[in-house]
Amino acid sequence: MDRERALALIYRTVDIVNQQLPADRRLARRPDTVIVGAGGALDSLGIVNFIVALEEHVRDAQGRSVDLLDFDLIAAERSPFHTIDTLTAHLMALP
């Protein structure tokens, strides 16, 4: 998957998740937006909802399932879910 496609899928997910959040906790559509970790607007349920929605968008776009919901990876010190930019790189690296 190329960067443009990965970002489009993530931003579509951001738009959906933002519909469920109060205005002051919505995610910005910027590469440096924090998804997981200090400074992030999502609680644990919000993170799970975000990842499940992203899995659905990837499946619809790629015609195949991906399993992104890995709690060890999410909680890792250098989590690929930390920002939109790191998540984009993670999606691009998926087989």
PDB file of N, CA and C in Angstrom:
ATOM      1  N   MET A   1       0.846  -1.168   0.000  1.00  0.00           N
ATOM      2  CA  MET A   1       0.000   0.000   0.000  1.00  0.00           C
ATOM      3  C   MET A   1       0.896   1.238   0.000  1.00  0.00           C
ATOM      4  N   ASP A   2       0.559   2.203  -0.817  1.00  0.00           N
ATOM      5  CA  ASP A   2       1.364   3.421  -0.851  1.00  0.00           C
ATOM      6  C   ASP A   2       0.913   4.401   0.236  1.00  0.00           C
ATOM      7  N   ARG A   3       1.723   5.417   0.467  1.00  0.00           N
ATOM      8  CA  ARG A   3       1.477   6.377   1.549  1.00  0.00           C
ATOM      9  C   ARG A   3       0.151   7.123   1.374  1.00  0.00           C
ATOM     10  N   GLU A   4      -0.132   7.555   0.172  1.00  0.00           N
ATOM     11  CA  GLU A   4      -1.355   8.305  -0.078  1.00  0.00           C
ATOM     12  C   GLU A   4      -2.593   7.475   0.262  1.00  0.00           C
ATOM     13  N   ARG A   5      -2.590   6.213  -0.136  1.00  0.00           N
ATOM     14  CA  ARG A   5      -3.726   5.319   0.136  1.00  0.00           C
ATOM     15  C   ARG A   5      -3.852   5.051   1.635  1.00  0.00           C
ATOM     16  N   ALA A   6      -2.722   4.802   2.296  1.00  0.00           N
ATOM     17  CA  ALA A   6      -2.745   4.543   3.735  1.00  0.00           C
ATOM     18  C   ALA A   6      -3.285   5.755   4.493  1.00  0.00           C
ATOM     19  N   LEU A   7      -2.811   6.945   4.144  1.00  0.00           N
ATOM     20  CA  LEU A   7      -3.307   8.165   4.793  1.00  0.00           C
ATOM     21  C   LEU A   7      -4.803   8.373   4.557  1.00  0.00           C
ATOM     22  N   ALA A   8      -5.256   8.105   3.353  1.00  0.00           N
ATOM     23  CA  ALA A   8      -6.681   8.265   3.043  1.00  0.00           C
ATOM     24  C   ALA A   8      -7.530   7.350   3.920  1.00  0.00           C
ATOM     25  N   LEU A   9      -7.089   6.119   4.115  1.00  0.00           N
ATOM     26  CA  LEU A   9      -7.828   5.174   4.955  1.00  0.00           C
ATOM     27  C   LEU A   9      -7.827   5.612   6.417  1.00  0.00           C
ATOM     28  N   ILE A  10      -6.696   6.103   6.881  1.00  0.00           N
ATOM     29  CA  ILE A  10      -6.601   6.580   8.264  1.00  0.00           C
ATOM     30  C   ILE A  10      -7.469   7.817   8.453  1.00  0.00           C
ATOM     31  N   TYR A  11      -7.415   8.752   7.533  1.00  0.00           N
ATOM     32  CA  TYR A  11      -8.218   9.965   7.652  1.00  0.00           C
ATOM     33  C   TYR A  11      -9.719   9.660   7.589  1.00  0.00           C
ATOM     34  N   ARG A  12     -10.111   8.684   6.795  1.00  0.00           N
ATOM     35  CA  ARG A  12     -11.517   8.272   6.769  1.00  0.00           C
ATOM     36  C   ARG A  12     -11.924   7.722   8.133  1.00  0.00           C
ATOM     37  N   THR A  13     -11.017   6.963   8.746  1.00  0.00           N
ATOM     38  CA  THR A  13     -11.270   6.433  10.082  1.00  0.00           C
ATOM     39  C   THR A  13     -11.355   7.561  11.105  1.00  0.00           C
ATOM     40  N   VAL A  14     -10.465   8.540  11.004  1.00  0.00           N
ATOM     41  CA  VAL A  14     -10.507   9.703  11.896  1.00  0.00           C
ATOM     42  C   VAL A  14     -11.868  10.389  11.785  1.00  0.00           C
ATOM     43  N   ASP A  15     -12.357  10.570  10.576  1.00  0.00           N
ATOM     44  CA  ASP A  15     -13.647  11.240  10.381  1.00  0.00           C
ATOM     45  C   ASP A  15     -14.780  10.488  11.071  1.00  0.00           C
ATOM     46  N   ILE A  16     -14.765   9.182  10.977  1.00  0.00           N
ATOM     47  CA  ILE A  16     -15.819   8.369  11.604  1.00  0.00           C
ATOM     48  C   ILE A  16     -15.715   8.423  13.122  1.00  0.00           C
ATOM     49  N   VAL A  17     -14.513   8.252  13.636  1.00  0.00           N
ATOM     50  CA  VAL A  17     -14.317   8.279  15.092  1.00  0.00           C
ATOM     51  C   VAL A  17     -14.665   9.659  15.643  1.00  0.00           C
ATOM     52  N   ASN A  18     -14.321  10.716  14.934  1.00  0.00           N
ATOM     53  CA  ASN A  18     -14.610  12.074  15.397  1.00  0.00           C
ATOM     54  C   ASN A  18     -16.105  12.336  15.562  1.00  0.00           C
ATOM     55  N   GLN A  19     -16.941  11.645  14.811  1.00  0.00           N
ATOM     56  CA  GLN A  19     -18.385  11.812  14.943  1.00  0.00           C
ATOM     57  C   GLN A  19     -18.869  11.376  16.324  1.00  0.00           C
ATOM     58  N   GLN A  20     -18.097  10.521  16.983  1.00  0.00           N
ATOM     59  CA  GLN A  20     -18.474   9.994  18.296  1.00  0.00           C
ATOM     60  C   GLN A  20     -17.820  10.758  19.447  1.00  0.00           C
ATOM     61  N   LEU A  21     -16.973  11.725  19.133  1.00  0.00           N
ATOM     62  CA  LEU A  21     -16.229  12.444  20.169  1.00  0.00           C
ATOM     63  C   LEU A  21     -16.735  13.869  20.340  1.00  0.00           C
ATOM     64  N   PRO A  22     -16.621  14.392  21.577  1.00  0.00           N
ATOM     65  CA  PRO A  22     -16.931  15.813  21.757  1.00  0.00           C
ATOM     66  C   PRO A  22     -15.926  16.664  20.977  1.00  0.00           C
ATOM     67  N   ALA A  23     -16.320  17.852  20.608  1.00  0.00           N
ATOM     68  CA  ALA A  23     -15.496  18.726  19.764  1.00  0.00           C
ATOM     69  C   ALA A  23     -14.088  18.924  20.317  1.00  0.00           C
ATOM     70  N   ASP A  24     -13.939  19.028  21.625  1.00  0.00           N
ATOM     71  CA  ASP A  24     -12.623  19.293  22.208  1.00  0.00           C
ATOM     72  C   ASP A  24     -11.716  18.065  22.264  1.00  0.00           C
ATOM     73  N   ARG A  25     -12.226  16.889  21.896  1.00  0.00           N
ATOM     74  CA  ARG A  25     -11.409  15.671  21.926  1.00  0.00           C
ATOM     75  C   ARG A  25     -11.232  15.053  20.541  1.00  0.00           C
ATOM     76  N   ARG A  26     -11.657  15.738  19.508  1.00  0.00           N
ATOM     77  CA  ARG A  26     -11.572  15.182  18.156  1.00  0.00           C
ATOM     78  C   ARG A  26     -10.124  15.142  17.669  1.00  0.00           C
ATOM     79  N   LEU A  27      -9.863  14.160  16.836  1.00  0.00           N
ATOM     80  CA  LEU A  27      -8.535  13.975  16.258  1.00  0.00           C
ATOM     81  C   LEU A  27      -8.362  14.883  15.047  1.00  0.00           C
ATOM     82  N   ALA A  28      -7.208  15.513  14.946  1.00  0.00           N
ATOM     83  CA  ALA A  28      -6.889  16.342  13.786  1.00  0.00           C
ATOM     84  C   ALA A  28      -6.401  15.446  12.652  1.00  0.00           C
ATOM     85  N   ARG A  29      -6.651  15.864  11.442  1.00  0.00           N
ATOM     86  CA  ARG A  29      -6.186  15.115  10.262  1.00  0.00           C
ATOM     87  C   ARG A  29      -4.800  15.614   9.878  1.00  0.00           C
ATOM     88  N   ARG A  30      -3.827  15.309  10.753  1.00  0.00           N
ATOM     89  CA  ARG A  30      -2.431  15.699  10.527  1.00  0.00           C
ATOM     90  C   ARG A  30      -1.534  14.514  10.875  1.00  0.00           C
ATOM     91  N   PRO A  31      -0.411  14.369  10.190  1.00  0.00           N
ATOM     92  CA  PRO A  31       0.500  13.249  10.478  1.00  0.00           C
ATOM     93  C   PRO A  31       1.005  13.197  11.920  1.00  0.00           C
ATOM     94  N   ASP A  32       1.114  14.347  12.590  1.00  0.00           N
ATOM     95  CA  ASP A  32       1.650  14.348  13.957  1.00  0.00           C
ATOM     96  C   ASP A  32       0.581  14.160  15.033  1.00  0.00           C
ATOM     97  N   THR A  33      -0.661  13.917  14.642  1.00  0.00           N
ATOM     98  CA  THR A  33      -1.736  13.701  15.607  1.00  0.00           C
ATOM     99  C   THR A  33      -1.486  12.417  16.387  1.00  0.00           C
ATOM    100  N   VAL A  34      -1.547  12.527  17.709  1.00  0.00           N
ATOM    101  CA  VAL A  34      -1.322  11.374  18.585  1.00  0.00           C
ATOM    102  C   VAL A  34      -2.610  10.559  18.674  1.00  0.00           C
ATOM    103  N   ILE A  35      -2.473   9.261  18.423  1.00  0.00           N
ATOM    104  CA  ILE A  35      -3.598   8.336  18.539  1.00  0.00           C
ATOM    105  C   ILE A  35      -3.499   7.581  19.859  1.00  0.00           C
ATOM    106  N   VAL A  36      -2.327   7.016  20.137  1.00  0.00           N
ATOM    107  CA  VAL A  36      -2.100   6.223  21.343  1.00  0.00           C
ATOM    108  C   VAL A  36      -0.940   6.822  22.118  1.00  0.00           C
ATOM    109  N   GLY A  37      -1.150   7.000  23.409  1.00  0.00           N
ATOM    110  CA  GLY A  37      -0.071   7.487  24.256  1.00  0.00           C
ATOM    111  C   GLY A  37      -0.350   8.878  24.793  1.00  0.00           C
ATOM    112  N   ALA A  38       0.657   9.429  25.453  1.00  0.00           N
ATOM    113  CA  ALA A  38       0.533  10.750  26.069  1.00  0.00           C
ATOM    114  C   ALA A  38       0.127  11.785  25.027  1.00  0.00           C
ATOM    115  N   GLY A  39      -0.887  12.547  25.352  1.00  0.00           N
ATOM    116  CA  GLY A  39      -1.358  13.576  24.440  1.00  0.00           C
ATOM    117  C   GLY A  39      -2.452  13.115  23.511  1.00  0.00           C
ATOM    118  N   GLY A  40      -2.792  11.839  23.558  1.00  0.00           N
ATOM    119  CA  GLY A  40      -3.841  11.317  22.695  1.00  0.00           C
ATOM    120  C   GLY A  40      -5.226  11.622  23.242  1.00  0.00           C
ATOM    121  N   ALA A  41      -6.189  11.786  22.360  1.00  0.00           N
ATOM    122  CA  ALA A  41      -7.546  12.145  22.764  1.00  0.00           C
ATOM    123  C   ALA A  41      -8.427  10.924  23.030  1.00  0.00           C
ATOM    124  N   LEU A  42      -7.965   9.748  22.628  1.00  0.00           N
ATOM    125  CA  LEU A  42      -8.801   8.563  22.737  1.00  0.00           C
ATOM    126  C   LEU A  42      -8.548   7.806  24.036  1.00  0.00           C
ATOM    127  N   ASP A  43      -9.626   7.320  24.648  1.00  0.00           N
ATOM    128  CA  ASP A  43      -9.478   6.411  25.777  1.00  0.00           C
ATOM    129  C   ASP A  43      -9.315   4.999  25.217  1.00  0.00           C
ATOM    130  N   SER A  44      -9.226   4.002  26.077  1.00  0.00           N
ATOM    131  CA  SER A  44      -8.950   2.644  25.601  1.00  0.00           C
ATOM    132  C   SER A  44     -10.049   2.127  24.671  1.00  0.00           C
ATOM    133  N   LEU A  45     -11.300   2.401  24.981  1.00  0.00           N
ATOM    134  CA  LEU A  45     -12.384   1.978  24.099  1.00  0.00           C
ATOM    135  C   LEU A  45     -12.323   2.725  22.769  1.00  0.00           C
ATOM    136  N   GLY A  46     -11.984   4.002  22.812  1.00  0.00           N
ATOM    137  CA  GLY A  46     -11.841   4.781  21.588  1.00  0.00           C
ATOM    138  C   GLY A  46     -10.732   4.252  20.693  1.00  0.00           C
ATOM    139  N   ILE A  47      -9.640   3.800  21.309  1.00  0.00           N
ATOM    140  CA  ILE A  47      -8.527   3.223  20.541  1.00  0.00           C
ATOM    141  C   ILE A  47      -8.978   1.937  19.849  1.00  0.00           C
ATOM    142  N   VAL A  48      -9.678   1.084  20.595  1.00  0.00           N
ATOM    143  CA  VAL A  48     -10.173  -0.171  20.004  1.00  0.00           C
ATOM    144  C   VAL A  48     -11.139   0.136  18.868  1.00  0.00           C
ATOM    145  N   ASN A  49     -12.065   1.069  19.079  1.00  0.00           N
ATOM    146  CA  ASN A  49     -13.009   1.441  18.014  1.00  0.00           C
ATOM    147  C   ASN A  49     -12.278   1.970  16.788  1.00  0.00           C
ATOM    148  N   PHE A  50     -11.258   2.796  16.997  1.00  0.00           N
ATOM    149  CA  PHE A  50     -10.476   3.348  15.898  1.00  0.00           C
ATOM    150  C   PHE A  50      -9.820   2.222  15.092  1.00  0.00           C
ATOM    151  N   ILE A  51      -9.182   1.296  15.794  1.00  0.00           N
ATOM    152  CA  ILE A  51      -8.462   0.228  15.107  1.00  0.00           C
ATOM    153  C   ILE A  51      -9.415  -0.707  14.370  1.00  0.00           C
ATOM    154  N   VAL A  52     -10.538  -1.043  14.981  1.00  0.00           N
ATOM    155  CA  VAL A  52     -11.509  -1.913  14.312  1.00  0.00           C
ATOM    156  C   VAL A  52     -12.068  -1.221  13.055  1.00  0.00           C
ATOM    157  N   ALA A  53     -12.365   0.067  13.162  1.00  0.00           N
ATOM    158  CA  ALA A  53     -12.850   0.805  11.989  1.00  0.00           C
ATOM    159  C   ALA A  53     -11.788   0.843  10.894  1.00  0.00           C
ATOM    160  N   LEU A  54     -10.533   1.028  11.281  1.00  0.00           N
ATOM    161  CA  LEU A  54      -9.450   1.042  10.298  1.00  0.00           C
ATOM    162  C   LEU A  54      -9.308  -0.322   9.630  1.00  0.00           C
ATOM    163  N   GLU A  55      -9.409  -1.397  10.411  1.00  0.00           N
ATOM    164  CA  GLU A  55      -9.362  -2.742   9.828  1.00  0.00           C
ATOM    165  C   GLU A  55     -10.452  -2.912   8.768  1.00  0.00           C
ATOM    166  N   GLU A  56     -11.651  -2.412   9.051  1.00  0.00           N
ATOM    167  CA  GLU A  56     -12.748  -2.513   8.092  1.00  0.00           C
ATOM    168  C   GLU A  56     -12.453  -1.717   6.825  1.00  0.00           C
ATOM    169  N   HIS A  57     -11.887  -0.514   6.970  1.00  0.00           N
ATOM    170  CA  HIS A  57     -11.564   0.288   5.792  1.00  0.00           C
ATOM    171  C   HIS A  57     -10.474  -0.372   4.949  1.00  0.00           C
ATOM    172  N   VAL A  58      -9.480  -0.932   5.612  1.00  0.00           N
ATOM    173  CA  VAL A  58      -8.417  -1.627   4.873  1.00  0.00           C
ATOM    174  C   VAL A  58      -9.001  -2.835   4.144  1.00  0.00           C
ATOM    175  N   ARG A  59      -9.847  -3.601   4.828  1.00  0.00           N
ATOM    176  CA  ARG A  59     -10.470  -4.767   4.200  1.00  0.00           C
ATOM    177  C   ARG A  59     -11.278  -4.354   2.978  1.00  0.00           C
ATOM    178  N   ASP A  60     -12.070  -3.304   3.108  1.00  0.00           N
ATOM    179  CA  ASP A  60     -12.886  -2.851   1.984  1.00  0.00           C
ATOM    180  C   ASP A  60     -12.021  -2.363   0.826  1.00  0.00           C
ATOM    181  N   ALA A  61     -10.941  -1.672   1.131  1.00  0.00           N
ATOM    182  CA  ALA A  61     -10.070  -1.107   0.091  1.00  0.00           C
ATOM    183  C   ALA A  61      -9.170  -2.145  -0.552  1.00  0.00           C
ATOM    184  N   GLN A  62      -8.691  -3.101   0.244  1.00  0.00           N
ATOM    185  CA  GLN A  62      -7.709  -4.068  -0.254  1.00  0.00           C
ATOM    186  C   GLN A  62      -8.328  -5.416  -0.623  1.00  0.00           C
ATOM    187  N   GLY A  63      -9.559  -5.636  -0.195  1.00  0.00           N
ATOM    188  CA  GLY A  63     -10.205  -6.911  -0.489  1.00  0.00           C
ATOM    189  C   GLY A  63      -9.658  -8.060   0.335  1.00  0.00           C
ATOM    190  N   ARG A  64      -9.038  -7.742   1.463  1.00  0.00           N
ATOM    191  CA  ARG A  64      -8.496  -8.783   2.343  1.00  0.00           C
ATOM    192  C   ARG A  64      -8.499  -8.268   3.777  1.00  0.00           C
ATOM    193  N   SER A  65      -8.584  -9.197   4.696  1.00  0.00           N
ATOM    194  CA  SER A  65      -8.602  -8.830   6.108  1.00  0.00           C
ATOM    195  C   SER A  65      -7.195  -8.572   6.627  1.00  0.00           C
ATOM    196  N   VAL A  66      -7.099  -7.642   7.555  1.00  0.00           N
ATOM    197  CA  VAL A  66      -5.859  -7.398   8.284  1.00  0.00           C
ATOM    198  C   VAL A  66      -6.199  -7.407   9.762  1.00  0.00           C
ATOM    199  N   ASP A  67      -5.265  -7.844  10.570  1.00  0.00           N
ATOM    200  CA  ASP A  67      -5.456  -7.889  12.014  1.00  0.00           C
ATOM    201  C   ASP A  67      -4.513  -6.882  12.650  1.00  0.00           C
ATOM    202  N   LEU A  68      -5.048  -5.724  12.987  1.00  0.00           N
ATOM    203  CA  LEU A  68      -4.240  -4.659  13.575  1.00  0.00           C
ATOM    204  C   LEU A  68      -4.367  -4.604  15.093  1.00  0.00           C
ATOM    205  N   LEU A  69      -5.382  -5.257  15.641  1.00  0.00           N
ATOM    206  CA  LEU A  69      -5.672  -5.168  17.070  1.00  0.00           C
ATOM    207  C   LEU A  69      -4.756  -6.105  17.851  1.00  0.00           C
ATOM    208  N   ASP A  70      -3.550  -5.624  18.115  1.00  0.00           N
ATOM    209  CA  ASP A  70      -2.522  -6.357  18.857  1.00  0.00           C
ATOM    210  C   ASP A  70      -2.163  -5.497  20.070  1.00  0.00           C
ATOM    211  N   PHE A  71      -2.666  -5.890  21.238  1.00  0.00           N
ATOM    212  CA  PHE A  71      -2.509  -5.050  22.429  1.00  0.00           C
ATOM    213  C   PHE A  71      -1.056  -4.852  22.827  1.00  0.00           C
ATOM    214  N   ASP A  72      -0.203  -5.859  22.601  1.00  0.00           N
ATOM    215  CA  ASP A  72       1.218  -5.692  22.910  1.00  0.00           C
ATOM    216  C   ASP A  72       1.837  -4.626  22.006  1.00  0.00           C
ATOM    217  N   LEU A  73       1.473  -4.648  20.746  1.00  0.00           N
ATOM    218  CA  LEU A  73       1.995  -3.668  19.795  1.00  0.00           C
ATOM    219  C   LEU A  73       1.442  -2.275  20.089  1.00  0.00           C
ATOM    220  N   ILE A  74       0.177  -2.211  20.459  1.00  0.00           N
ATOM    221  CA  ILE A  74      -0.432  -0.929  20.794  1.00  0.00           C
ATOM    222  C   ILE A  74       0.264  -0.304  21.997  1.00  0.00           C
ATOM    223  N   ALA A  75       0.583  -1.131  22.995  1.00  0.00           N
ATOM    224  CA  ALA A  75       1.175  -0.639  24.243  1.00  0.00           C
ATOM    225  C   ALA A  75       2.693  -0.509  24.196  1.00  0.00           C
ATOM    226  N   ALA A  76       3.312  -0.931  23.114  1.00  0.00           N
ATOM    227  CA  ALA A  76       4.768  -0.899  23.010  1.00  0.00           C
ATOM    228  C   ALA A  76       5.293   0.529  23.145  1.00  0.00           C
ATOM    229  N   GLU A  77       6.502   0.647  23.662  1.00  0.00           N
ATOM    230  CA  GLU A  77       7.114   1.971  23.843  1.00  0.00           C
ATOM    231  C   GLU A  77       7.175   2.740  22.530  1.00  0.00           C
ATOM    232  N   ARG A  78       7.505   2.062  21.459  1.00  0.00           N
ATOM    233  CA  ARG A  78       7.564   2.691  20.130  1.00  0.00           C
ATOM    234  C   ARG A  78       6.422   2.140  19.265  1.00  0.00           C
ATOM    235  N   SER A  79       5.219   2.325  19.760  1.00  0.00           N
ATOM    236  CA  SER A  79       4.034   1.780  19.105  1.00  0.00           C
ATOM    237  C   SER A  79       3.821   2.402  17.729  1.00  0.00           C
ATOM    238  N   PRO A  80       3.503   1.571  16.733  1.00  0.00           N
ATOM    239  CA  PRO A  80       3.169   2.124  15.423  1.00  0.00           C
ATOM    240  C   PRO A  80       1.831   2.868  15.440  1.00  0.00           C
ATOM    241  N   PHE A  81       1.105   2.759  16.537  1.00  0.00           N
ATOM    242  CA  PHE A  81      -0.175   3.442  16.666  1.00  0.00           C
ATOM    243  C   PHE A  81      -0.045   4.792  17.366  1.00  0.00           C
ATOM    244  N   HIS A  82       1.170   5.221  17.648  1.00  0.00           N
ATOM    245  CA  HIS A  82       1.370   6.454  18.392  1.00  0.00           C
ATOM    246  C   HIS A  82       0.810   7.675  17.651  1.00  0.00           C
ATOM    247  N   THR A  83       1.178   7.857  16.408  1.00  0.00           N
ATOM    248  CA  THR A  83       0.688   9.003  15.628  1.00  0.00           C
ATOM    249  C   THR A  83       0.129   8.523  14.292  1.00  0.00           C
ATOM    250  N   ILE A  84      -0.532   9.417  13.617  1.00  0.00           N
ATOM    251  CA  ILE A  84      -1.022   9.087  12.278  1.00  0.00           C
ATOM    252  C   ILE A  84       0.149   8.748  11.364  1.00  0.00           C
ATOM    253  N   ASP A  85       1.263   9.451  11.505  1.00  0.00           N
ATOM    254  CA  ASP A  85       2.437   9.187  10.667  1.00  0.00           C
ATOM    255  C   ASP A  85       3.003   7.791  10.916  1.00  0.00           C
ATOM    256  N   THR A  86       3.152   7.398  12.185  1.00  0.00           N
ATOM    257  CA  THR A  86       3.705   6.064  12.463  1.00  0.00           C
ATOM    258  C   THR A  86       2.724   4.970  12.039  1.00  0.00           C
ATOM    259  N   LEU A  87       1.431   5.246  12.169  1.00  0.00           N
ATOM    260  CA  LEU A  87       0.427   4.272  11.725  1.00  0.00           C
ATOM    261  C   LEU A  87       0.437   4.142  10.207  1.00  0.00           C
ATOM    262  N   THR A  88       0.653   5.248   9.520  1.00  0.00           N
ATOM    263  CA  THR A  88       0.756   5.197   8.058  1.00  0.00           C
ATOM    264  C   THR A  88       1.910   4.298   7.629  1.00  0.00           C
ATOM    265  N   ALA A  89       3.064   4.476   8.256  1.00  0.00           N
ATOM    266  CA  ALA A  89       4.222   3.631   7.943  1.00  0.00           C
ATOM    267  C   ALA A  89       3.931   2.168   8.237  1.00  0.00           C
ATOM    268  N   HIS A  90       3.218   1.913   9.324  1.00  0.00           N
ATOM    269  CA  HIS A  90       2.860   0.534   9.687  1.00  0.00           C
ATOM    270  C   HIS A  90       1.959  -0.085   8.614  1.00  0.00           C
ATOM    271  N   LEU A  91       0.957   0.646   8.165  1.00  0.00           N
ATOM    272  CA  LEU A  91       0.074   0.131   7.110  1.00  0.00           C
ATOM    273  C   LEU A  91       0.847  -0.128   5.829  1.00  0.00           C
ATOM    274  N   MET A  92       1.761   0.753   5.496  1.00  0.00           N
ATOM    275  CA  MET A  92       2.549   0.591   4.277  1.00  0.00           C
ATOM    276  C   MET A  92       3.429  -0.660   4.338  1.00  0.00           C
ATOM    277  N   ALA A  93       3.830  -1.052   5.541  1.00  0.00           N
ATOM    278  CA  ALA A  93       4.724  -2.198   5.709  1.00  0.00           C
ATOM    279  C   ALA A  93       3.988  -3.530   5.768  1.00  0.00           C
ATOM    280  N   LEU A  94       2.668  -3.512   5.873  1.00  0.00           N
ATOM    281  CA  LEU A  94       1.924  -4.769   5.949  1.00  0.00           C
ATOM    282  C   LEU A  94       2.085  -5.564   4.661  1.00  0.00           C
ATOM    283  N   PRO A  95       2.186  -6.879   4.813  1.00  0.00           N
ATOM    284  CA  PRO A  95       2.316  -7.706   3.600  1.00  0.00           C
ATOM    285  C   PRO A  95       1.032  -7.721   2.783  1.00  0.00           C
TER     286      PRO A  95
END
